[in-house]
Protein backbone atom coordinates (compact mmCIF):
# COMPACT_ATOMS: atom_id res chain seq x y z
CA MET A 1 -0.94 14.04 -19.34
CA LYS A 2 -2.33 17.49 -18.52
CA PRO A 3 -5.96 18.53 -18.09
CA LYS A 4 -7.72 19.46 -21.30
CA HIS A 5 -10.89 20.56 -19.53
CA LYS A 6 -11.34 22.22 -16.20
CA LYS A 7 -14.12 21.99 -13.69
CA ASN A 8 -13.64 24.26 -10.69
CA HIS A 9 -10.02 23.67 -9.75
CA ASP A 10 -9.46 27.04 -8.11
CA GLY A 11 -9.41 25.59 -4.59
CA PRO A 12 -6.47 25.28 -2.20
CA LYS A 13 -3.09 24.48 -3.69
CA VAL A 14 -0.47 22.05 -2.44
CA THR A 15 1.66 23.18 0.45
CA ARG A 16 5.34 22.31 0.60
CA GLY A 17 7.80 22.62 3.45
CA VAL A 18 5.27 23.21 6.25
CA LYS A 19 6.74 21.99 9.53
CA THR A 20 5.05 23.92 12.31
CA LEU A 21 1.58 24.94 13.43
CA ASP A 22 2.39 28.60 12.72
CA GLU A 23 3.40 27.79 9.14
CA ALA A 24 0.22 25.72 8.73
CA GLN A 25 -1.87 28.60 10.05
CA ALA A 26 -0.37 30.94 7.46
CA TRP A 27 -1.17 28.45 4.69
CA PHE A 28 -4.74 27.99 5.93
CA ARG A 29 -5.21 31.73 5.84
CA SER A 30 -3.72 32.15 2.36
CA GLN A 31 -5.93 29.39 0.95
CA ASN A 32 -9.10 30.29 2.87
CA ILE A 33 -9.26 26.77 4.34
CA GLU A 34 -12.47 26.22 6.34
CA GLU A 35 -12.20 22.56 7.40
CA ILE A 36 -9.46 20.02 7.94
CA GLU A 37 -9.58 16.24 7.77
CA CYS A 38 -7.40 14.80 10.54
CA VAL A 39 -6.64 11.26 9.37
CA VAL A 40 -4.69 8.26 10.58
CA PRO A 41 -4.20 5.08 8.48
CA ASP A 42 -5.53 1.97 10.24
CA LEU A 43 -4.31 -1.62 9.76
CA ALA A 44 -6.22 -1.91 6.48
CA GLY A 45 -4.91 1.42 5.19
CA VAL A 46 -8.35 2.99 5.63
CA ALA A 47 -8.39 6.68 6.61
CA ARG A 48 -9.84 7.05 10.11
CA GLY A 49 -10.09 10.25 12.09
CA LYS A 50 -12.13 13.43 12.48
CA ILE A 51 -13.18 16.42 10.42
CA MET A 52 -13.10 19.72 12.26
CA PRO A 53 -13.20 23.47 11.62
CA VAL A 54 -9.76 24.96 11.14
CA ARG A 55 -10.23 27.32 14.10
CA LYS A 56 -10.70 24.34 16.43
CA PHE A 57 -7.73 22.51 14.91
CA LEU A 58 -5.51 25.55 15.43
CA GLY A 59 -6.59 25.70 19.06
CA THR A 60 -5.93 22.02 19.78
CA PRO A 61 -4.07 20.35 16.88
CA SER A 62 -3.74 17.11 18.87
CA MET A 63 -6.92 14.99 18.93
CA ASN A 64 -7.89 11.74 20.58
CA LEU A 65 -9.41 8.47 19.34
CA PRO A 66 -9.94 5.08 21.00
CA LEU A 67 -7.10 2.59 20.67
CA ALA A 68 -9.68 0.21 19.19
CA VAL A 69 -9.39 2.08 15.86
CA PHE A 70 -6.28 -0.06 15.22
CA TYR A 71 -8.22 -3.26 15.94
CA GLN A 72 -11.13 -2.67 13.58
CA THR A 73 -11.54 -5.20 10.80
CA ILE A 74 -12.29 -4.35 7.18
CA THR A 75 -15.94 -5.21 7.88
CA GLY A 76 -16.11 -2.77 10.80
CA ASP A 77 -16.11 -5.47 13.47
CA PHE A 78 -13.62 -6.06 16.27
CA PRO A 79 -11.81 -9.20 17.43
CA GLU A 80 -11.86 -10.42 21.00
CA PHE A 81 -9.77 -7.95 22.99
CA GLU A 82 -8.99 -10.15 25.97
CA GLY A 83 -5.23 -10.61 26.00
CA ALA A 84 -4.83 -8.72 22.74
CA VAL A 85 -3.70 -5.34 24.05
CA ASN A 86 -1.64 -6.33 27.08
CA ALA A 87 -2.60 -4.18 30.06
CA VAL A 88 -4.22 -1.46 27.94
CA GLN A 89 -7.97 -1.38 27.51
CA SER A 90 -9.23 -1.29 23.94
CA ASP A 91 -11.34 1.80 24.61
CA THR A 92 -8.45 3.77 26.13
CA ASP A 93 -7.87 7.03 24.34
CA ILE A 94 -4.78 7.58 22.25
CA PHE A 95 -3.57 10.97 21.05
CA LEU A 96 -2.96 11.87 17.43
CA THR A 97 -0.38 14.49 16.51
CA PRO A 98 -0.30 15.99 13.00
CA ASP A 99 2.68 15.46 10.74
CA PHE A 100 2.62 18.84 9.01
CA ALA A 101 4.87 17.54 6.23
CA THR A 102 1.73 15.72 4.94
CA LEU A 103 -0.51 18.78 4.98
CA ALA A 104 -2.29 19.10 1.63
CA ALA A 105 -5.52 20.16 -0.04
CA VAL A 106 -8.55 17.91 -0.44
CA PRO A 107 -9.16 18.78 -4.11
CA TRP A 108 -12.51 17.01 -4.47
CA ALA A 109 -14.11 18.72 -1.45
CA GLN A 110 -16.98 21.14 -2.07
CA ASP A 111 -15.54 23.79 0.30
CA PRO A 112 -11.86 24.70 0.78
CA THR A 113 -10.62 21.76 2.84
CA ALA A 114 -7.23 20.46 3.94
CA GLN A 115 -6.01 17.08 5.15
CA VAL A 116 -3.12 16.04 7.34
CA ILE A 117 -1.90 12.60 8.39
CA HIS A 118 -1.38 12.02 12.10
CA ASP A 119 0.87 9.88 14.26
CA ALA A 120 -0.56 8.02 17.25
CA PHE A 121 0.78 8.19 20.81
CA HIS A 122 -0.23 6.88 24.23
CA PRO A 123 -0.97 9.45 26.98
CA ASP A 124 2.55 8.92 28.36
CA GLY A 125 4.12 9.82 25.01
CA ARG A 126 4.94 6.31 23.79
CA PRO A 127 4.22 5.66 20.10
CA VAL A 128 1.25 3.36 19.51
CA GLU A 129 2.89 0.13 18.28
CA GLU A 130 -0.24 -0.94 16.39
CA SER A 131 -0.11 2.13 14.16
CA PRO A 132 1.13 1.25 10.62
CA ARG A 133 3.13 4.48 10.40
CA GLN A 134 4.87 3.57 13.66
CA VAL A 135 5.64 0.04 12.37
CA LEU A 136 7.37 1.53 9.33
CA ARG A 137 9.23 4.06 11.49
CA ARG A 138 10.39 1.23 13.75
CA VAL A 139 11.94 -0.63 10.81
CA LEU A 140 13.54 2.54 9.44
CA SER A 141 15.15 3.24 12.82
CA LEU A 142 17.04 -0.07 12.52
CA TYR A 143 18.35 1.01 9.14
CA ARG A 144 19.42 4.39 10.53
CA GLU A 145 21.40 2.69 13.28
CA LYS A 146 23.45 1.01 10.54
CA GLY A 147 23.88 4.26 8.61
CA TRP A 148 21.56 3.05 5.84
CA SER A 149 18.77 4.97 4.11
CA PRO A 150 16.26 2.85 2.15
CA ILE A 151 14.77 4.22 -1.06
CA VAL A 152 11.55 2.78 -2.51
CA ALA A 153 9.38 3.25 -5.59
CA PRO A 154 5.90 1.65 -5.53
CA GLU A 155 3.86 0.68 -8.57
CA ILE A 156 0.11 0.40 -7.96
CA GLU A 157 -2.27 -1.53 -10.20
CA PHE A 158 -6.04 -1.06 -10.08
CA TYR A 159 -9.19 -1.68 -12.11
CA LEU A 160 -11.83 0.71 -13.32
CA VAL A 161 -15.23 -0.99 -13.09
CA GLU A 162 -18.86 -0.18 -13.68
CA LYS A 163 -20.69 0.86 -10.52
CA ASN A 164 -21.84 -2.20 -8.62
CA VAL A 165 -24.55 -1.75 -5.99
CA ASP A 166 -25.30 -5.46 -5.51
CA PRO A 167 -22.27 -7.48 -4.32
CA ASP A 168 -23.92 -10.70 -5.54
CA TYR A 169 -23.27 -9.65 -9.14
CA PRO A 170 -19.81 -9.86 -10.79
CA LEU A 171 -17.97 -6.67 -11.66
CA LYS A 172 -17.96 -5.38 -15.24
CA PRO A 173 -15.61 -3.03 -17.14
CA PRO A 174 -16.98 0.52 -17.43
CA ILE A 175 -18.18 2.36 -20.50
CA GLY A 176 -15.49 4.66 -21.93
CA ARG A 177 -15.87 7.79 -24.06
CA SER A 178 -16.52 5.62 -27.13
CA GLY A 179 -19.72 4.40 -25.49
CA ARG A 180 -18.43 0.82 -25.34
CA PRO A 181 -16.65 -1.21 -22.66
CA GLU A 182 -13.37 -2.98 -23.34
CA THR A 183 -13.92 -6.50 -24.59
CA GLY A 184 -10.30 -7.59 -24.95
CA ARG A 185 -7.09 -6.97 -23.06
CA GLN A 186 -5.32 -3.79 -24.13
CA GLY A 187 -1.96 -3.91 -22.38
CA TYR A 188 0.06 -0.68 -22.83
CA SER A 189 -2.61 0.72 -25.17
CA ILE A 190 -2.69 4.52 -25.33
CA SER A 191 -6.14 4.56 -26.90
CA ALA A 192 -7.50 2.37 -24.09
CA VAL A 193 -6.20 4.91 -21.54
CA ASN A 194 -7.68 7.72 -23.62
CA GLU A 195 -11.11 6.11 -23.19
CA PHE A 196 -11.02 7.62 -19.68
CA ASP A 197 -9.18 10.86 -20.46
CA ALA A 198 -11.53 13.05 -18.43
CA LEU A 199 -11.14 10.87 -15.36
CA PHE A 200 -7.35 10.81 -15.57
CA GLU A 201 -7.16 14.54 -16.20
CA ASP A 202 -8.96 15.09 -12.92
CA MET A 203 -6.74 12.50 -11.22
CA TYR A 204 -3.61 14.31 -12.39
CA GLU A 205 -5.03 17.67 -11.30
CA TYR A 206 -5.94 16.30 -7.87
CA SER A 207 -2.51 14.69 -7.53
CA GLU A 208 -0.66 17.89 -8.39
CA ARG A 209 -2.64 19.84 -5.81
CA GLN A 210 -1.66 17.32 -3.14
CA GLY A 211 2.00 17.11 -4.12
CA LEU A 212 1.69 13.50 -5.31
CA GLU A 213 4.37 12.86 -7.90
CA ILE A 214 3.19 10.44 -10.58
CA ASP A 215 5.97 9.06 -12.75
CA THR A 216 3.91 7.15 -15.34
CA LEU A 217 0.39 5.93 -16.05
CA ILE A 218 -0.05 2.83 -18.22
CA HIS A 219 -2.79 0.41 -19.19
CA GLU A 220 -2.02 -2.99 -17.70
CA SER A 221 -2.90 -6.39 -19.13
CA GLY A 222 -6.39 -6.71 -17.64
CA VAL A 223 -9.57 -5.19 -19.08
CA ALA A 224 -9.66 -1.56 -17.84
CA GLN A 225 -6.72 -2.33 -15.56
CA MET A 226 -4.31 0.57 -14.99
CA GLU A 227 -0.99 1.08 -13.26
CA ILE A 228 0.38 4.20 -11.57
CA ASN A 229 4.13 4.41 -10.95
CA LEU A 230 5.32 6.84 -8.28
CA ARG A 231 8.73 8.48 -8.25
CA HIS A 232 11.27 6.97 -5.88
CA GLY A 233 11.83 8.47 -2.45
CA THR A 234 12.03 7.73 1.26
CA PRO A 235 9.78 4.93 2.51
CA LEU A 236 7.54 6.95 4.83
CA GLU A 237 7.02 9.67 2.23
CA LEU A 238 6.16 7.10 -0.46
CA ALA A 239 3.84 5.15 1.84
CA ASP A 240 2.01 8.40 2.56
CA GLN A 241 1.78 9.05 -1.18
CA VAL A 242 0.32 5.59 -1.91
CA PHE A 243 -2.17 6.05 0.94
CA MET A 244 -3.27 9.41 -0.48
CA MET A 245 -3.09 8.27 -4.11
CA LYS A 246 -5.51 5.39 -3.56
CA ARG A 247 -8.03 7.77 -2.09
CA THR A 248 -7.45 10.25 -4.92
CA ILE A 249 -8.02 7.65 -7.64
CA ARG A 250 -11.21 6.39 -5.99
CA GLU A 251 -12.58 9.93 -5.58
CA ALA A 252 -11.74 10.92 -9.18
CA ALA A 253 -13.42 7.77 -10.49
CA MET A 254 -16.56 8.36 -8.40
CA GLU A 255 -16.93 11.82 -9.92
CA HIS A 256 -17.16 10.08 -13.31
CA ASP A 257 -19.71 7.53 -12.08
CA ILE A 258 -17.10 4.74 -12.08
CA TYR A 259 -15.53 2.67 -9.32
CA ALA A 260 -11.77 2.30 -9.00
CA THR A 261 -10.88 -0.84 -7.06
CA PHE A 262 -7.62 -2.03 -5.52
CA MET A 263 -8.94 -5.52 -4.83
CA ALA A 264 -6.25 -8.08 -5.59
CA LYS A 265 -8.57 -10.14 -7.82
CA PRO A 266 -11.79 -8.26 -8.63
CA MET A 267 -12.73 -10.30 -11.72
CA ALA A 268 -12.25 -14.05 -12.01
CA SER A 269 -11.23 -14.05 -15.66
CA GLU A 270 -8.79 -11.13 -15.42
CA PRO A 271 -5.27 -10.83 -13.97
CA GLY A 272 -4.84 -9.73 -10.38
CA SER A 273 -3.57 -6.33 -9.27
CA ALA A 274 -0.21 -5.88 -7.58
CA MET A 275 1.73 -3.24 -5.70
CA HIS A 276 5.32 -3.86 -6.79
CA VAL A 277 7.95 -2.25 -4.54
CA HIS A 278 11.38 -1.28 -5.91
CA GLN A 279 13.99 -1.09 -3.13
CA SER A 280 17.55 0.16 -2.82
CA ILE A 281 19.67 1.48 0.06
CA LEU A 282 21.95 4.49 0.31
CA THR A 283 25.00 4.68 2.57
CA GLU A 284 25.88 7.72 4.68
CA ASP A 285 28.01 8.91 1.74
CA GLY A 286 25.01 8.74 -0.58
CA ASP A 287 26.31 5.69 -2.47
CA ASN A 288 24.17 2.70 -3.41
CA LEU A 289 24.88 0.02 -0.81
CA PHE A 290 24.13 -2.62 -3.44
CA SER A 291 27.01 -1.50 -5.72
CA ASP A 292 30.74 -1.39 -5.05
CA PRO A 293 31.73 2.29 -5.41
CA LYS A 294 35.00 1.36 -7.17
CA THR A 295 34.09 -1.54 -9.43
CA GLY A 296 30.33 -1.06 -9.79
CA GLU A 297 29.82 -4.77 -9.10
CA ALA A 298 27.04 -6.06 -6.86
CA THR A 299 28.03 -6.14 -3.19
CA PRO A 300 27.54 -8.91 -0.60
CA ALA A 301 24.84 -6.69 0.97
CA PHE A 302 22.88 -6.84 -2.30
CA TYR A 303 22.81 -10.63 -2.33
CA ALA A 304 22.09 -10.83 1.41
CA PHE A 305 19.17 -8.41 0.98
CA ILE A 306 17.70 -10.68 -1.68
CA ALA A 307 18.31 -13.74 0.50
CA GLY A 308 16.45 -12.17 3.41
CA GLN A 309 13.42 -11.53 1.25
CA GLN A 310 13.59 -15.04 -0.14
CA ARG A 311 13.68 -16.61 3.30
CA TYR A 312 11.02 -14.50 4.98
CA LEU A 313 8.57 -13.85 2.12
CA PRO A 314 6.20 -16.67 3.19
CA ALA A 315 6.13 -15.24 6.72
CA ILE A 316 5.03 -11.77 5.59
CA MET A 317 2.35 -12.93 3.16
CA ALA A 318 -0.31 -12.03 5.73
CA ILE A 319 0.78 -8.42 5.16
CA LEU A 320 1.50 -8.58 1.43
CA ALA A 321 -1.72 -10.50 0.72
CA PRO A 322 -3.97 -9.39 3.59
CA TYR A 323 -7.43 -10.70 2.59
CA VAL A 324 -9.04 -13.93 1.47
CA ASN A 325 -9.46 -12.38 -1.98
CA SER A 326 -5.70 -11.73 -2.17
CA TYR A 327 -4.99 -15.45 -2.48
CA ARG A 328 -7.05 -15.74 -5.65
CA ARG A 329 -4.13 -13.90 -7.24
CA ILE A 330 -1.63 -16.45 -5.86
CA ALA A 331 -2.60 -19.16 -8.32
CA ARG A 332 -1.21 -21.05 -11.31
CA ASP A 333 -1.50 -19.26 -14.65
CA SER A 334 -2.61 -16.08 -12.87
CA GLY A 335 0.16 -13.94 -14.35
CA ALA A 336 1.41 -13.14 -10.85
CA PRO A 337 4.68 -14.53 -9.46
CA VAL A 338 3.95 -17.26 -6.93
CA ASN A 339 7.50 -18.06 -5.83
CA THR A 340 10.42 -16.82 -3.74
CA GLN A 341 12.90 -17.01 -6.62
CA TRP A 342 14.94 -14.10 -7.96
CA GLY A 343 16.36 -13.28 -11.37
CA TYR A 344 17.72 -10.53 -13.59
CA ASP A 345 14.86 -8.86 -15.45
CA ASN A 346 12.75 -11.99 -14.96
CA ARG A 347 9.13 -11.05 -14.28
CA THR A 348 8.15 -14.62 -13.47
CA CYS A 349 10.22 -14.36 -10.27
CA GLY A 350 8.85 -12.97 -7.03
CA LEU A 351 12.04 -10.89 -6.79
CA ARG A 352 13.22 -9.16 -9.95
CA VAL A 353 16.44 -7.21 -10.47
CA PRO A 354 15.62 -4.63 -13.18
CA PRO A 355 18.27 -3.56 -15.71
CA SER A 356 20.15 -0.54 -14.36
CA ASP A 357 23.52 1.10 -13.92
CA PRO A 358 25.38 0.52 -10.62
CA ALA A 359 24.03 3.72 -9.05
CA ASN A 360 20.44 2.53 -9.55
CA ARG A 361 20.84 -1.17 -8.72
CA ARG A 362 17.68 -2.26 -6.91
CA VAL A 363 15.38 -5.16 -6.10
CA GLU A 364 11.74 -5.22 -7.18
CA ASN A 365 9.47 -7.25 -4.91
CA ARG A 366 6.56 -8.32 -7.15
CA ILE A 367 4.59 -10.26 -4.53
CA PRO A 368 2.50 -7.60 -2.74
CA SER A 369 -1.06 -7.18 -3.97
CA SER A 370 -2.58 -3.75 -4.45
CA ASP A 371 -4.92 -4.27 -1.49
CA ALA A 372 -1.95 -4.26 0.92
CA ASN A 373 -1.48 -1.44 3.41
CA PRO A 374 1.49 0.50 1.89
CA TYR A 375 3.04 1.31 5.28
CA LEU A 376 2.99 -2.32 6.38
CA ALA A 377 4.00 -3.78 3.02
CA ILE A 378 7.03 -1.51 2.72
CA ALA A 379 7.95 -2.11 6.37
CA ALA A 380 7.68 -5.88 5.92
CA VAL A 381 9.82 -6.18 2.78
CA LEU A 382 12.47 -3.87 4.25
CA ALA A 383 12.44 -5.92 7.46
CA CYS A 384 13.14 -9.07 5.43
CA GLY A 385 16.01 -7.39 3.61
CA TYR A 386 17.42 -6.10 6.89
CA LEU A 387 17.37 -9.61 8.38
CA GLY A 388 19.13 -10.94 5.29
CA MET A 389 21.94 -8.42 5.64
CA THR A 390 22.34 -8.69 9.42
CA GLN A 391 22.18 -12.51 9.33
CA ASN A 392 24.54 -12.71 6.32
CA LEU A 393 22.14 -14.91 4.39
CA ALA A 394 22.99 -16.24 0.93
CA PRO A 395 20.44 -16.32 -1.91
CA THR A 396 19.75 -19.16 -4.29
CA ALA A 397 21.10 -18.97 -7.83
CA PRO A 398 19.25 -16.49 -10.08
CA VAL A 399 16.57 -18.05 -12.26
CA GLU A 400 16.90 -17.51 -16.01
CA ILE A 401 13.88 -19.53 -17.15
CA ASP A 402 10.17 -19.35 -16.32
CA ALA A 403 10.17 -19.48 -12.52
CA SER A 404 6.50 -20.45 -12.42
CA ALA A 405 7.55 -23.94 -13.49
CA ARG A 406 8.82 -24.42 -9.93
CA GLY A 407 5.25 -24.32 -8.67
CA ILE A 408 3.66 -22.28 -5.91
CA GLU A 409 6.11 -21.58 -3.08
CA LEU A 410 3.91 -19.20 -1.11
CA PRO A 411 1.06 -19.89 1.34
CA ARG A 412 -2.33 -20.28 -0.37
CA SER A 413 -4.66 -19.04 2.37
CA LEU A 414 -4.93 -16.22 4.87
CA LEU A 415 -4.98 -18.50 7.91
CA GLU A 416 -1.83 -20.32 6.79
CA SER A 417 -0.14 -16.97 6.25
CA VAL A 418 -1.15 -15.68 9.69
CA THR A 419 0.29 -18.81 11.32
CA LEU A 420 3.62 -18.36 9.52
CA PHE A 421 3.59 -14.67 10.46
CA GLU A 422 3.10 -15.37 14.17
CA GLU A 423 5.82 -18.04 14.20
CA ALA A 424 8.52 -15.89 12.56
CA LYS A 425 10.19 -14.61 15.73
CA PRO A 426 12.89 -12.50 14.00
CA LEU A 427 10.18 -10.61 12.14
CA VAL A 428 8.03 -10.25 15.25
CA ASP A 429 11.02 -8.74 17.06
CA ILE A 430 11.53 -6.19 14.28
CA LEU A 431 7.89 -5.27 13.62
CA GLY A 432 6.92 -5.34 17.29
CA ALA A 433 5.10 -8.04 19.27
CA THR A 434 2.15 -5.77 20.12
CA PHE A 435 1.56 -4.92 16.47
CA CYS A 436 1.97 -8.53 15.32
CA ASN A 437 -0.50 -9.75 17.93
CA ALA A 438 -3.03 -7.09 16.94
CA TYR A 439 -2.59 -7.76 13.23
CA ALA A 440 -3.00 -11.52 13.65
CA ARG A 441 -6.16 -11.02 15.73
CA VAL A 442 -7.70 -8.75 13.12
CA LYS A 443 -6.90 -11.10 10.23
CA GLN A 444 -8.32 -14.11 12.09
CA ALA A 445 -11.51 -12.16 12.81
CA GLU A 446 -11.82 -11.17 9.15
CA TYR A 447 -11.45 -14.79 8.11
CA GLU A 448 -14.22 -15.84 10.52
CA THR A 449 -16.48 -13.17 9.00
CA PHE A 450 -15.71 -14.46 5.51
CA MET A 451 -16.58 -18.00 6.55
CA ARG A 452 -20.10 -16.84 7.43
CA THR A 453 -20.69 -15.88 3.77
CA ILE A 454 -21.91 -18.52 1.31
CA SER A 455 -20.43 -18.04 -2.16
CA PRO A 456 -22.12 -18.47 -5.56
CA TRP A 457 -19.72 -21.38 -6.27
CA GLU A 458 -21.15 -23.28 -3.31
CA ARG A 459 -24.73 -22.66 -4.38
CA GLU A 460 -23.98 -23.61 -7.98
CA PHE A 461 -22.11 -26.88 -7.41
CA LEU A 462 -23.25 -28.09 -4.00
CA LEU A 463 -26.91 -27.11 -3.76
CA LEU A 464 -28.30 -30.07 -5.75
CA ASN A 465 -25.26 -32.32 -6.15
CA VAL A 466 -24.19 -33.33 -2.64
């Protein structure tokens, strides 16, 4: 889909191959960049950081923030810090260093503006373990030690909804170009996508200018529910792309007076939104570790990888389903897989093996919800697969029937998930004890905040009946 109309898209173009400050400076000059957004993804996947003039950035490209930025909840609060950060004070400064490979335009900015994702370090040079990018890098280092290179391809579902300024009111589908909202589910409908042509044209334009490679855009099964598929690549690169893509979609929607939401279950009567993650592994020779190079048959590593995800899926649900709302998607007849089963081209299983030739043999994890932090979700599922291969685990038999008949095999609440997460020592060892402690604290604090909110269900059924 290419833009049919243009607003003012003559701003800065995507930069490729920038690795150094000098190369960045040349790009800034060629694109007349005035400001730069220095961002770091927090535990929720929210962009934190600072905006500064380019001249200041070029003088001191490393900036500082308080360590507490990685302990902030989605509501903007903080958990109790005592004992949470070891010997480090929560207000101690950390230093952020730009990863120039992520340097890109900010297409929706009024003035020529750039953005760059940063990595977080302590004053002594140690990586900040609470940083989601560092958690993913930590997992990838274990793969490198084995001579393995993971490849992932995320699929992100989201809803377009009418602007909602009062959170007490339910969300509604937006008005399309026909002047009417969707009233029925339009899965895979081209005309339903075309209802929002102008929005998606801008989204594609913004994506191209940031170097975000969209594979496909489809209408999903929910009312005004869409799915973006990204091209496969290395995990850190794809996590960066999901992080930037979410922001891009939200900004493009806002320009058309619409909200785009990645809530797992924004509307009670509609299906939830997922972030499916396709995973495969390359050897040092560039072969697919999951396929025998001579026979093309599935290897023991392939089955062990599946087994690791089967065993540890419940323990990473706090990452794959990170909010109380996420568990509204983990329900009977929700359309989402609610089990740890696997099968060949079986979408009712939590783990699906799509049809492919041996070179492209992969595992699709269908459990993560679209509200998950992409860095942490990808790190978590790869950690499970790594444990399966290093522990030589064996999977169950593949399921050929409707796996939902087996019932719900995943935790049903955030607190239950956090408990399983904290108790899974092999995962804690891989993801890092400092990160796991911080993440658990933040999730517990978010749950306590939720419990202070009285829902409409309680007022409707309890007010006069109990």
